[in-house]
Amino acid sequence: MRYTYEYPRPAVTTDVVLLADEIPAKLLLIKRGNEPFKDTWALPGGFVDMDEDLPTAALRELKEETGISGISIKQFKTYGAVNRDPRHRTISVVYTSVVKNTLSACGMDDAAEAHWFEINELPPLAFDHQLIVDEALDLFRQDGSL
């Protein structure tokens, strides 16, 4: 049986903070191919499909946008500030992963490019992704990944 609710509901996305444990450490970003924030760098991620769980969505988006697959991810934190996405109310569940070296990545699907950036030389980021990256890097420092 289908249910319909009169109340608006937020969209749900997943994002991935993928760090390469090199000297210096590097972070994988994608250049957005679509609005909002077209041509601005962001974390790989996107909307959760109705028939998938959160980690599956995160791994699917990572593969669709960068070609990277076969990594393990760990749920980090949920971000839900009211105005974090100019399109509508969006809640994002963020996942993290650390790999030994940069993996081959290329922009695919709605990502115009994919690139590894040294963590001390990041470009301006879309949405609230700078906050997400800062908090994830703090976690990586605390747990010894950096």
Foldseek 3Di string as FASTA:
>chain_A
DDDDDPDDDAFEKEFEFEWALDVQIKTKWFQFCDDDNHRFIETQMDTDDPPDDHVVRHQVSCCQFWVDHDFDKDWDDKDFDQPLHVVGGYIYTYIYGYHHHDDHTAGHDRTNGMDIDRPVDDDDHHRCRVVVNVVVVVVCVVVVSD
